[in-house]
Amino acid sequence: MRKWLLGLSLIVLPAAGCAKSQSEDAAPRATVSPVQSSAASVPPSVQPSGSASAVSVSPKASTAPTPKASAAAPTKASAMTPAQAKAAIESRAKETINAVKNKDMKALSNLAHPDKGIRFSPYCYVDAKKDLVFKPDQLEKLLSDKTTYTWGSFEGSGEAIKLTFGDYYKKFLYNHDYAKPEKTGYNEILGKSNTVNNIRDVYAESIVVEYYFSGFDPKVEGHDWASLNLVFERKGETWYLSGLVRNMWTI
C-alpha cells in the first residue's frame, strides 16, 4: 500500500510542477515593442511629436526672390496722377506753350505729333470729325496763309467760325498770356463750363496740361474765366502735341 501511495505521489508532483510552469507561461510578460525601443534610441530633436521632449521641424522657407515693386510711372497716361503727369511732361509743355506764345511755327511743327498733327478745338467739346487738323509740314505756313477756314461753331449762336489762322490765333488760341497762367493743371480739369468736356474721350491715352485763369473782371464774378489745354500723346519714348483746346465759360 505504501509503495502504491509513494508511486502516486511521484506521479502527482511532476504534474503539479507542469501546471505551475504552464500558469507562469500564461501570465503576460513585460515586453518592449520595436517602436518604443527605437524611439528610446532616437535623438530628442527628431523624436515623434507625441514625446514630451519632441521638437517639431518646420519646412524650410522658400529661397525664391520676392519680386520688387516697380517704381516706374504707369505706362498708361490716363492712369498718371497730376504729380506723375507733371514729372513726365512739364519741360515739354513749357517748350510748347512758349512756341505758341512766340508764334514760332517751326518749333511748333517739330513739337507736333508726326503722324496725327495738331487738332485745333475752339471749345472743350472736341469734334473729332470736324475740328481742323494740320500736319507738321502744314503748320509752318499757317501764319502767312490767308485762307479762311471754318473752325467750328460759335457757342450760343451756332454760327460758323470762319477765320484765317492769324485771326483764330488772336481770338481763340492765344487770347490771354497762357505762358504765365494763374494756375497749371496736369491731368486735372480746372475750368468747368456748361459745355461737355470730352478731351479724355477723344485723346484716351494722353497727358493734358491746362493753363488756367479764374477770371479778369471782378464785376462778372468769374464768368470770364479762360484756359488753354495742351494735349500730348506719346510715340515711342517721346511726347508730342496732338491737340490745342481752348476752354471758357459758356452759357
C-alpha atoms as a PDB file:
ATOM      1  CA  MET A   1       0.000   0.000   0.000  1.00  0.00           C
ATOM      2  CA  ARG A   2       2.789   2.403   0.940  1.00  0.00           C
ATOM      3  CA  LYS A   3       4.569   1.603  -2.290  1.00  0.00           C
ATOM      4  CA  TRP A   4       1.399   2.422  -4.219  1.00  0.00           C
ATOM      5  CA  LEU A   5       0.957   5.754  -2.438  1.00  0.00           C
ATOM      6  CA  LEU A   6       4.609   6.629  -2.971  1.00  0.00           C
ATOM      7  CA  GLY A   7       4.312   5.964  -6.655  1.00  0.00           C
ATOM      8  CA  LEU A   8       1.167   8.041  -6.884  1.00  0.00           C
ATOM      9  CA  SER A   9       2.888  10.980  -5.198  1.00  0.00           C
ATOM     10  CA  LEU A  10       5.749  10.760  -7.624  1.00  0.00           C
ATOM     11  CA  ILE A  11       3.241  10.994 -10.493  1.00  0.00           C
ATOM     12  CA  VAL A  12       1.240  13.911  -8.982  1.00  0.00           C
ATOM     13  CA  LEU A  13       4.200  16.083  -8.082  1.00  0.00           C
ATOM     14  CA  PRO A  14       5.607  16.386 -11.603  1.00  0.00           C
ATOM     15  CA  ALA A  15       2.117  17.097 -12.879  1.00  0.00           C
ATOM     16  CA  ALA A  16       1.744  19.923 -10.400  1.00  0.00           C
ATOM     17  CA  GLY A  17       5.077  21.278 -11.437  1.00  0.00           C
ATOM     18  CA  CYS A  18       3.934  21.257 -15.043  1.00  0.00           C
ATOM     19  CA  ALA A  19       0.750  23.067 -14.124  1.00  0.00           C
ATOM     20  CA  LYS A  20       2.723  25.779 -12.344  1.00  0.00           C
ATOM     21  CA  SER A  21       5.018  26.128 -15.261  1.00  0.00           C
ATOM     22  CA  GLN A  22       2.059  26.435 -17.634  1.00  0.00           C
ATOM     23  CA  SER A  23       0.428  29.129 -15.479  1.00  0.00           C
ATOM     24  CA  GLU A  24       3.644  31.069 -15.409  1.00  0.00           C
ATOM     25  CA  ASP A  25       3.838  30.836 -19.205  1.00  0.00           C
ATOM     26  CA  ALA A  26       0.250  32.056 -19.481  1.00  0.00           C
ATOM     27  CA  ALA A  27       0.950  35.215 -17.451  1.00  0.00           C
ATOM     28  CA  PRO A  28       1.678  38.281 -19.629  1.00  0.00           C
ATOM     29  CA  ARG A  29       5.309  39.184 -19.906  1.00  0.00           C
ATOM     30  CA  ALA A  30       6.587  42.729 -19.891  1.00  0.00           C
ATOM     31  CA  THR A  31       7.869  43.308 -23.385  1.00  0.00           C
ATOM     32  CA  VAL A  32       9.382  46.270 -25.214  1.00  0.00           C
ATOM     33  CA  SER A  33       7.765  46.943 -28.572  1.00  0.00           C
ATOM     34  CA  PRO A  34      10.028  47.660 -31.529  1.00  0.00           C
ATOM     35  CA  VAL A  35       8.587  51.192 -31.798  1.00  0.00           C
ATOM     36  CA  GLN A  36       9.245  52.031 -28.156  1.00  0.00           C
ATOM     37  CA  SER A  37      12.708  50.584 -28.442  1.00  0.00           C
ATOM     38  CA  SER A  38      13.583  52.611 -31.493  1.00  0.00           C
ATOM     39  CA  ALA A  39      12.084  55.805 -30.015  1.00  0.00           C
ATOM     40  CA  ALA A  40      14.240  55.464 -26.999  1.00  0.00           C
ATOM     41  CA  SER A  41      17.319  55.485 -29.152  1.00  0.00           C
ATOM     42  CA  VAL A  42      16.267  58.446 -31.384  1.00  0.00           C
ATOM     43  CA  PRO A  43      17.833  61.820 -30.509  1.00  0.00           C
ATOM     44  CA  PRO A  44      15.323  64.239 -28.819  1.00  0.00           C
ATOM     45  CA  SER A  45      15.451  66.721 -31.721  1.00  0.00           C
ATOM     46  CA  VAL A  46      13.721  64.364 -34.120  1.00  0.00           C
ATOM     47  CA  GLN A  47      11.520  62.272 -31.741  1.00  0.00           C
ATOM     48  CA  PRO A  48       7.855  61.802 -32.680  1.00  0.00           C
ATOM     49  CA  SER A  49       5.613  64.683 -31.684  1.00  0.00           C
ATOM     50  CA  GLY A  50       3.901  62.534 -29.003  1.00  0.00           C
ATOM     51  CA  SER A  51       7.082  62.572 -26.930  1.00  0.00           C
ATOM     52  CA  ALA A  52       7.369  65.250 -24.253  1.00  0.00           C
ATOM     53  CA  SER A  53      10.793  66.176 -25.490  1.00  0.00           C
ATOM     54  CA  ALA A  54       9.795  66.249 -29.189  1.00  0.00           C
ATOM     55  CA  VAL A  55      10.820  69.228 -31.301  1.00  0.00           C
ATOM     56  CA  SER A  56       8.821  69.894 -34.477  1.00  0.00           C
ATOM     57  CA  VAL A  57      10.820  70.561 -37.600  1.00  0.00           C
ATOM     58  CA  SER A  58       9.267  73.298 -39.843  1.00  0.00           C
ATOM     59  CA  PRO A  59       9.675  73.183 -43.623  1.00  0.00           C
ATOM     60  CA  LYS A  60      12.428  75.401 -44.942  1.00  0.00           C
ATOM     61  CA  ALA A  61      11.338  78.856 -46.079  1.00  0.00           C
ATOM     62  CA  SER A  62      11.354  79.370 -49.829  1.00  0.00           C
ATOM     63  CA  THR A  63      14.543  80.907 -51.110  1.00  0.00           C
ATOM     64  CA  ALA A  64      12.866  82.246 -54.274  1.00  0.00           C
ATOM     65  CA  PRO A  65      13.419  86.025 -54.557  1.00  0.00           C
ATOM     66  CA  THR A  66      10.390  88.246 -53.880  1.00  0.00           C
ATOM     67  CA  PRO A  67       9.516  90.412 -56.936  1.00  0.00           C
ATOM     68  CA  LYS A  68      10.346  94.043 -56.317  1.00  0.00           C
ATOM     69  CA  ALA A  69       7.626  96.646 -56.795  1.00  0.00           C
ATOM     70  CA  SER A  70       8.250  98.715 -59.872  1.00  0.00           C
ATOM     71  CA  ALA A  71       8.986 102.363 -59.209  1.00  0.00           C
ATOM     72  CA  ALA A  72       8.292 103.365 -62.812  1.00  0.00           C
ATOM     73  CA  ALA A  73       5.390 105.615 -63.718  1.00  0.00           C
ATOM     74  CA  PRO A  74       2.294 103.904 -65.107  1.00  0.00           C
ATOM     75  CA  THR A  75       2.579 103.051 -68.792  1.00  0.00           C
ATOM     76  CA  LYS A  76      -0.917 104.416 -69.426  1.00  0.00           C
ATOM     77  CA  ALA A  77      -1.034 108.195 -69.395  1.00  0.00           C
ATOM     78  CA  SER A  78      -4.651 108.175 -68.223  1.00  0.00           C
ATOM     79  CA  ALA A  79      -3.537 106.420 -65.017  1.00  0.00           C
ATOM     80  CA  MET A  80      -0.969 109.078 -64.120  1.00  0.00           C
ATOM     81  CA  THR A  81      -1.626 111.264 -61.106  1.00  0.00           C
ATOM     82  CA  PRO A  82      -1.160 115.042 -61.510  1.00  0.00           C
ATOM     83  CA  ALA A  83       2.280 114.728 -59.891  1.00  0.00           C
ATOM     84  CA  GLN A  84       3.330 111.918 -62.240  1.00  0.00           C
ATOM     85  CA  ALA A  85       1.992 113.756 -65.281  1.00  0.00           C
ATOM     86  CA  LYS A  86       3.856 116.907 -64.271  1.00  0.00           C
ATOM     87  CA  ALA A  87       7.111 114.991 -63.857  1.00  0.00           C
ATOM     88  CA  ALA A  88       6.676 113.416 -67.292  1.00  0.00           C
ATOM     89  CA  ILE A  89       5.631 116.454 -69.328  1.00  0.00           C
ATOM     90  CA  GLU A  90       6.392 119.758 -67.569  1.00  0.00           C
ATOM     91  CA  SER A  91       9.512 120.564 -69.576  1.00  0.00           C
ATOM     92  CA  ARG A  92       7.881 119.614 -72.879  1.00  0.00           C
ATOM     93  CA  ALA A  93       4.780 121.640 -72.028  1.00  0.00           C
ATOM     94  CA  LYS A  94       6.791 124.788 -71.260  1.00  0.00           C
ATOM     95  CA  GLU A  95       8.628 124.460 -74.542  1.00  0.00           C
ATOM     96  CA  THR A  96       5.305 124.110 -76.349  1.00  0.00           C
ATOM     97  CA  ILE A  97       3.444 126.987 -74.689  1.00  0.00           C
ATOM     98  CA  ASN A  98       6.403 129.286 -75.408  1.00  0.00           C
ATOM     99  CA  ALA A  99       6.345 128.250 -79.065  1.00  0.00           C
ATOM    100  CA  VAL A 100       2.627 129.101 -79.203  1.00  0.00           C
ATOM    101  CA  LYS A 101       3.154 132.425 -77.443  1.00  0.00           C
ATOM    102  CA  ASN A 102       6.010 133.448 -79.738  1.00  0.00           C
ATOM    103  CA  LYS A 103       4.212 132.237 -82.870  1.00  0.00           C
ATOM    104  CA  ASP A 104       7.224 130.054 -83.551  1.00  0.00           C
ATOM    105  CA  MET A 105       5.547 127.793 -86.072  1.00  0.00           C
ATOM    106  CA  LYS A 106       8.752 125.985 -86.953  1.00  0.00           C
ATOM    107  CA  ALA A 107       9.266 124.978 -83.324  1.00  0.00           C
ATOM    108  CA  LEU A 108       5.577 124.061 -83.092  1.00  0.00           C
ATOM    109  CA  SER A 109       5.837 121.842 -86.161  1.00  0.00           C
ATOM    110  CA  ASN A 110       8.739 119.984 -84.520  1.00  0.00           C
ATOM    111  CA  LEU A 111       6.653 119.501 -81.374  1.00  0.00           C
ATOM    112  CA  ALA A 112       3.590 118.325 -83.297  1.00  0.00           C
ATOM    113  CA  HIS A 113       2.683 114.656 -83.420  1.00  0.00           C
ATOM    114  CA  PRO A 114       4.450 113.346 -86.562  1.00  0.00           C
ATOM    115  CA  ASP A 115       1.509 111.161 -87.606  1.00  0.00           C
ATOM    116  CA  LYS A 116      -1.576 112.875 -86.186  1.00  0.00           C
ATOM    117  CA  GLY A 117      -0.539 116.512 -86.425  1.00  0.00           C
ATOM    118  CA  ILE A 118      -2.356 119.044 -84.205  1.00  0.00           C
ATOM    119  CA  ARG A 119      -6.136 119.347 -83.872  1.00  0.00           C
ATOM    120  CA  PHE A 120      -7.465 122.839 -83.072  1.00  0.00           C
ATOM    121  CA  SER A 121     -10.644 122.928 -80.961  1.00  0.00           C
ATOM    122  CA  PRO A 122     -12.246 126.301 -80.085  1.00  0.00           C
ATOM    123  CA  TYR A 123     -14.157 124.788 -77.128  1.00  0.00           C
ATOM    124  CA  CYS A 124     -13.636 121.890 -74.717  1.00  0.00           C
ATOM    125  CA  TYR A 125     -16.019 119.687 -76.678  1.00  0.00           C
ATOM    126  CA  VAL A 126     -13.637 118.201 -79.231  1.00  0.00           C
ATOM    127  CA  ASP A 127     -15.334 117.363 -82.521  1.00  0.00           C
ATOM    128  CA  ALA A 128     -13.074 114.595 -83.804  1.00  0.00           C
ATOM    129  CA  LYS A 129     -14.720 114.725 -87.234  1.00  0.00           C
ATOM    130  CA  LYS A 130     -14.977 118.465 -87.862  1.00  0.00           C
ATOM    131  CA  ASP A 131     -12.238 120.218 -85.883  1.00  0.00           C
ATOM    132  CA  LEU A 132      -9.363 121.222 -88.142  1.00  0.00           C
ATOM    133  CA  VAL A 133      -6.152 119.208 -88.076  1.00  0.00           C
ATOM    134  CA  PHE A 134      -2.840 120.389 -89.503  1.00  0.00           C
ATOM    135  CA  LYS A 135       0.146 118.110 -90.041  1.00  0.00           C
ATOM    136  CA  PRO A 136       3.701 119.238 -89.166  1.00  0.00           C
ATOM    137  CA  ASP A 137       4.602 120.251 -92.717  1.00  0.00           C
ATOM    138  CA  GLN A 138       1.466 122.441 -92.910  1.00  0.00           C
ATOM    139  CA  LEU A 139       1.987 124.297 -89.646  1.00  0.00           C
ATOM    140  CA  GLU A 140       4.961 126.393 -90.711  1.00  0.00           C
ATOM    141  CA  LYS A 141       2.916 128.126 -93.416  1.00  0.00           C
ATOM    142  CA  LEU A 142      -0.221 128.855 -91.386  1.00  0.00           C
ATOM    143  CA  LEU A 143       0.665 132.355 -90.189  1.00  0.00           C
ATOM    144  CA  SER A 144       1.148 133.581 -93.746  1.00  0.00           C
ATOM    145  CA  ASP A 145      -1.838 131.589 -95.011  1.00  0.00           C
ATOM    146  CA  LYS A 146      -4.720 133.938 -95.950  1.00  0.00           C
ATOM    147  CA  THR A 147      -7.205 131.115 -96.386  1.00  0.00           C
ATOM    148  CA  THR A 148     -10.450 131.473 -94.396  1.00  0.00           C
ATOM    149  CA  TYR A 149     -11.103 128.214 -92.578  1.00  0.00           C
ATOM    150  CA  THR A 150     -14.198 127.034 -90.732  1.00  0.00           C
ATOM    151  CA  TRP A 151     -13.059 126.157 -87.208  1.00  0.00           C
ATOM    152  CA  GLY A 152     -16.389 125.047 -85.817  1.00  0.00           C
ATOM    153  CA  SER A 153     -19.423 126.930 -84.491  1.00  0.00           C
ATOM    154  CA  PHE A 154     -19.713 129.801 -82.024  1.00  0.00           C
ATOM    155  CA  GLU A 155     -21.135 128.667 -78.708  1.00  0.00           C
ATOM    156  CA  GLY A 156     -24.578 130.168 -78.207  1.00  0.00           C
ATOM    157  CA  SER A 157     -25.327 131.458 -81.709  1.00  0.00           C
ATOM    158  CA  GLY A 158     -24.244 128.338 -83.547  1.00  0.00           C
ATOM    159  CA  GLU A 159     -22.808 130.427 -86.377  1.00  0.00           C
ATOM    160  CA  ALA A 160     -19.790 129.083 -88.193  1.00  0.00           C
ATOM    161  CA  ILE A 161     -16.394 130.282 -87.003  1.00  0.00           C
ATOM    162  CA  LYS A 162     -14.807 131.433 -90.266  1.00  0.00           C
ATOM    163  CA  LEU A 163     -11.375 132.922 -89.721  1.00  0.00           C
ATOM    164  CA  THR A 164      -7.855 132.862 -91.072  1.00  0.00           C
ATOM    165  CA  PHE A 165      -5.348 131.156 -88.817  1.00  0.00           C
ATOM    166  CA  GLY A 166      -3.976 134.557 -87.779  1.00  0.00           C
ATOM    167  CA  ASP A 167      -7.446 135.694 -86.637  1.00  0.00           C
ATOM    168  CA  TYR A 168      -8.200 132.373 -84.988  1.00  0.00           C
ATOM    169  CA  TYR A 169      -4.910 132.671 -83.113  1.00  0.00           C
ATOM    170  CA  LYS A 170      -5.900 136.061 -81.653  1.00  0.00           C
ATOM    171  CA  LYS A 171      -9.499 135.200 -80.798  1.00  0.00           C
ATOM    172  CA  PHE A 172      -9.333 131.580 -79.708  1.00  0.00           C
ATOM    173  CA  LEU A 173      -5.831 130.212 -79.442  1.00  0.00           C
ATOM    174  CA  TYR A 174      -3.810 132.805 -77.532  1.00  0.00           C
ATOM    175  CA  ASN A 175      -6.263 135.440 -76.354  1.00  0.00           C
ATOM    176  CA  HIS A 176      -4.529 135.597 -72.922  1.00  0.00           C
ATOM    177  CA  ASP A 177      -0.936 135.128 -71.801  1.00  0.00           C
ATOM    178  CA  TYR A 178      -1.227 131.428 -71.062  1.00  0.00           C
ATOM    179  CA  ALA A 179       2.551 131.115 -70.691  1.00  0.00           C
ATOM    180  CA  LYS A 180       2.054 132.921 -67.354  1.00  0.00           C
ATOM    181  CA  PRO A 181      -1.155 131.370 -66.038  1.00  0.00           C
ATOM    182  CA  GLU A 182      -2.799 131.779 -62.694  1.00  0.00           C
ATOM    183  CA  LYS A 183      -2.705 128.025 -62.283  1.00  0.00           C
ATOM    184  CA  THR A 184      -1.491 124.996 -64.233  1.00  0.00           C
ATOM    185  CA  GLY A 185      -3.213 121.614 -64.115  1.00  0.00           C
ATOM    186  CA  TYR A 186      -1.686 118.293 -65.121  1.00  0.00           C
ATOM    187  CA  ASN A 187      -4.242 115.582 -65.894  1.00  0.00           C
ATOM    188  CA  GLU A 188      -6.849 117.523 -63.923  1.00  0.00           C
ATOM    189  CA  ILE A 189      -9.703 119.764 -65.045  1.00  0.00           C
ATOM    190  CA  LEU A 190      -9.517 123.296 -63.667  1.00  0.00           C
ATOM    191  CA  GLY A 191     -12.035 125.189 -65.811  1.00  0.00           C
ATOM    192  CA  LYS A 192     -15.603 123.863 -65.753  1.00  0.00           C
ATOM    193  CA  SER A 193     -18.228 125.129 -68.173  1.00  0.00           C
ATOM    194  CA  ASN A 194     -21.667 124.063 -69.372  1.00  0.00           C
ATOM    195  CA  THR A 195     -20.044 122.580 -72.471  1.00  0.00           C
ATOM    196  CA  VAL A 196     -19.223 118.891 -72.183  1.00  0.00           C
ATOM    197  CA  ASN A 197     -15.501 118.343 -71.810  1.00  0.00           C
ATOM    198  CA  ASN A 198     -14.729 115.215 -73.849  1.00  0.00           C
ATOM    199  CA  ILE A 199     -10.971 115.634 -74.195  1.00  0.00           C
ATOM    200  CA  ARG A 200     -10.376 112.323 -72.429  1.00  0.00           C
ATOM    201  CA  ASP A 201     -12.799 110.536 -74.753  1.00  0.00           C
ATOM    202  CA  VAL A 202     -11.018 111.702 -77.904  1.00  0.00           C
ATOM    203  CA  TYR A 203      -7.483 111.502 -76.513  1.00  0.00           C
ATOM    204  CA  ALA A 204      -7.807 108.433 -74.284  1.00  0.00           C
ATOM    205  CA  GLU A 205      -4.102 107.936 -73.548  1.00  0.00           C
ATOM    206  CA  SER A 206      -2.815 111.470 -73.281  1.00  0.00           C
ATOM    207  CA  ILE A 207      -1.418 113.935 -70.788  1.00  0.00           C
ATOM    208  CA  VAL A 208      -3.472 117.136 -70.702  1.00  0.00           C
ATOM    209  CA  VAL A 209      -1.883 120.336 -69.447  1.00  0.00           C
ATOM    210  CA  GLU A 210      -4.308 123.167 -68.688  1.00  0.00           C
ATOM    211  CA  TYR A 211      -3.166 126.790 -68.345  1.00  0.00           C
ATOM    212  CA  TYR A 212      -5.927 128.485 -66.401  1.00  0.00           C
ATOM    213  CA  PHE A 213      -7.191 131.934 -65.393  1.00  0.00           C
ATOM    214  CA  SER A 214     -10.107 132.140 -62.951  1.00  0.00           C
ATOM    215  CA  GLY A 215     -11.286 135.474 -64.346  1.00  0.00           C
ATOM    216  CA  PHE A 216     -10.283 139.010 -65.252  1.00  0.00           C
ATOM    217  CA  ASP A 217     -13.172 141.381 -64.474  1.00  0.00           C
ATOM    218  CA  PRO A 218     -14.409 141.211 -60.860  1.00  0.00           C
ATOM    219  CA  LYS A 219     -17.804 142.547 -61.953  1.00  0.00           C
ATOM    220  CA  VAL A 220     -18.681 139.342 -63.816  1.00  0.00           C
ATOM    221  CA  GLU A 221     -17.740 137.120 -60.858  1.00  0.00           C
ATOM    222  CA  GLY A 222     -15.575 134.622 -62.703  1.00  0.00           C
ATOM    223  CA  HIS A 223     -17.792 134.221 -65.777  1.00  0.00           C
ATOM    224  CA  ASP A 224     -14.861 135.352 -67.887  1.00  0.00           C
ATOM    225  CA  TRP A 225     -12.527 132.552 -66.837  1.00  0.00           C
ATOM    226  CA  ALA A 226     -10.427 131.021 -69.617  1.00  0.00           C
ATOM    227  CA  SER A 227      -7.922 128.262 -70.203  1.00  0.00           C
ATOM    228  CA  LEU A 228      -5.860 126.633 -72.907  1.00  0.00           C
ATOM    229  CA  ASN A 229      -5.343 122.871 -72.911  1.00  0.00           C
ATOM    230  CA  LEU A 230      -2.278 121.267 -74.461  1.00  0.00           C
ATOM    231  CA  VAL A 231      -2.838 117.603 -75.282  1.00  0.00           C
ATOM    232  CA  PHE A 232       0.221 115.353 -75.547  1.00  0.00           C
ATOM    233  CA  GLU A 233       0.322 111.809 -76.879  1.00  0.00           C
ATOM    234  CA  ARG A 234       3.312 109.524 -76.826  1.00  0.00           C
ATOM    235  CA  LYS A 235       5.010 107.933 -79.794  1.00  0.00           C
ATOM    236  CA  GLY A 236       7.839 105.659 -78.732  1.00  0.00           C
ATOM    237  CA  GLU A 237       9.562 107.442 -75.875  1.00  0.00           C
ATOM    238  CA  THR A 238       8.640 110.977 -76.988  1.00  0.00           C
ATOM    239  CA  TRP A 239       5.607 113.080 -76.099  1.00  0.00           C
ATOM    240  CA  TYR A 240       4.160 115.095 -78.989  1.00  0.00           C
ATOM    241  CA  LEU A 241       1.489 117.786 -79.138  1.00  0.00           C
ATOM    242  CA  SER A 242      -1.666 116.473 -80.798  1.00  0.00           C
ATOM    243  CA  GLY A 243      -4.313 118.921 -79.596  1.00  0.00           C
ATOM    244  CA  LEU A 244      -4.801 122.598 -78.706  1.00  0.00           C
ATOM    245  CA  VAL A 245      -8.141 123.003 -76.937  1.00  0.00           C
ATOM    246  CA  ARG A 246      -9.412 126.400 -75.791  1.00  0.00           C
ATOM    247  CA  ASN A 247     -11.866 126.431 -72.903  1.00  0.00           C
ATOM    248  CA  MET A 248     -14.021 129.163 -71.393  1.00  0.00           C
ATOM    249  CA  TRP A 249     -17.245 129.808 -69.530  1.00  0.00           C
ATOM    250  CA  THR A 250     -20.250 129.022 -71.737  1.00  0.00           C
ATOM    251  CA  ILE A 251     -23.989 129.586 -71.328  1.00  0.00           C
END
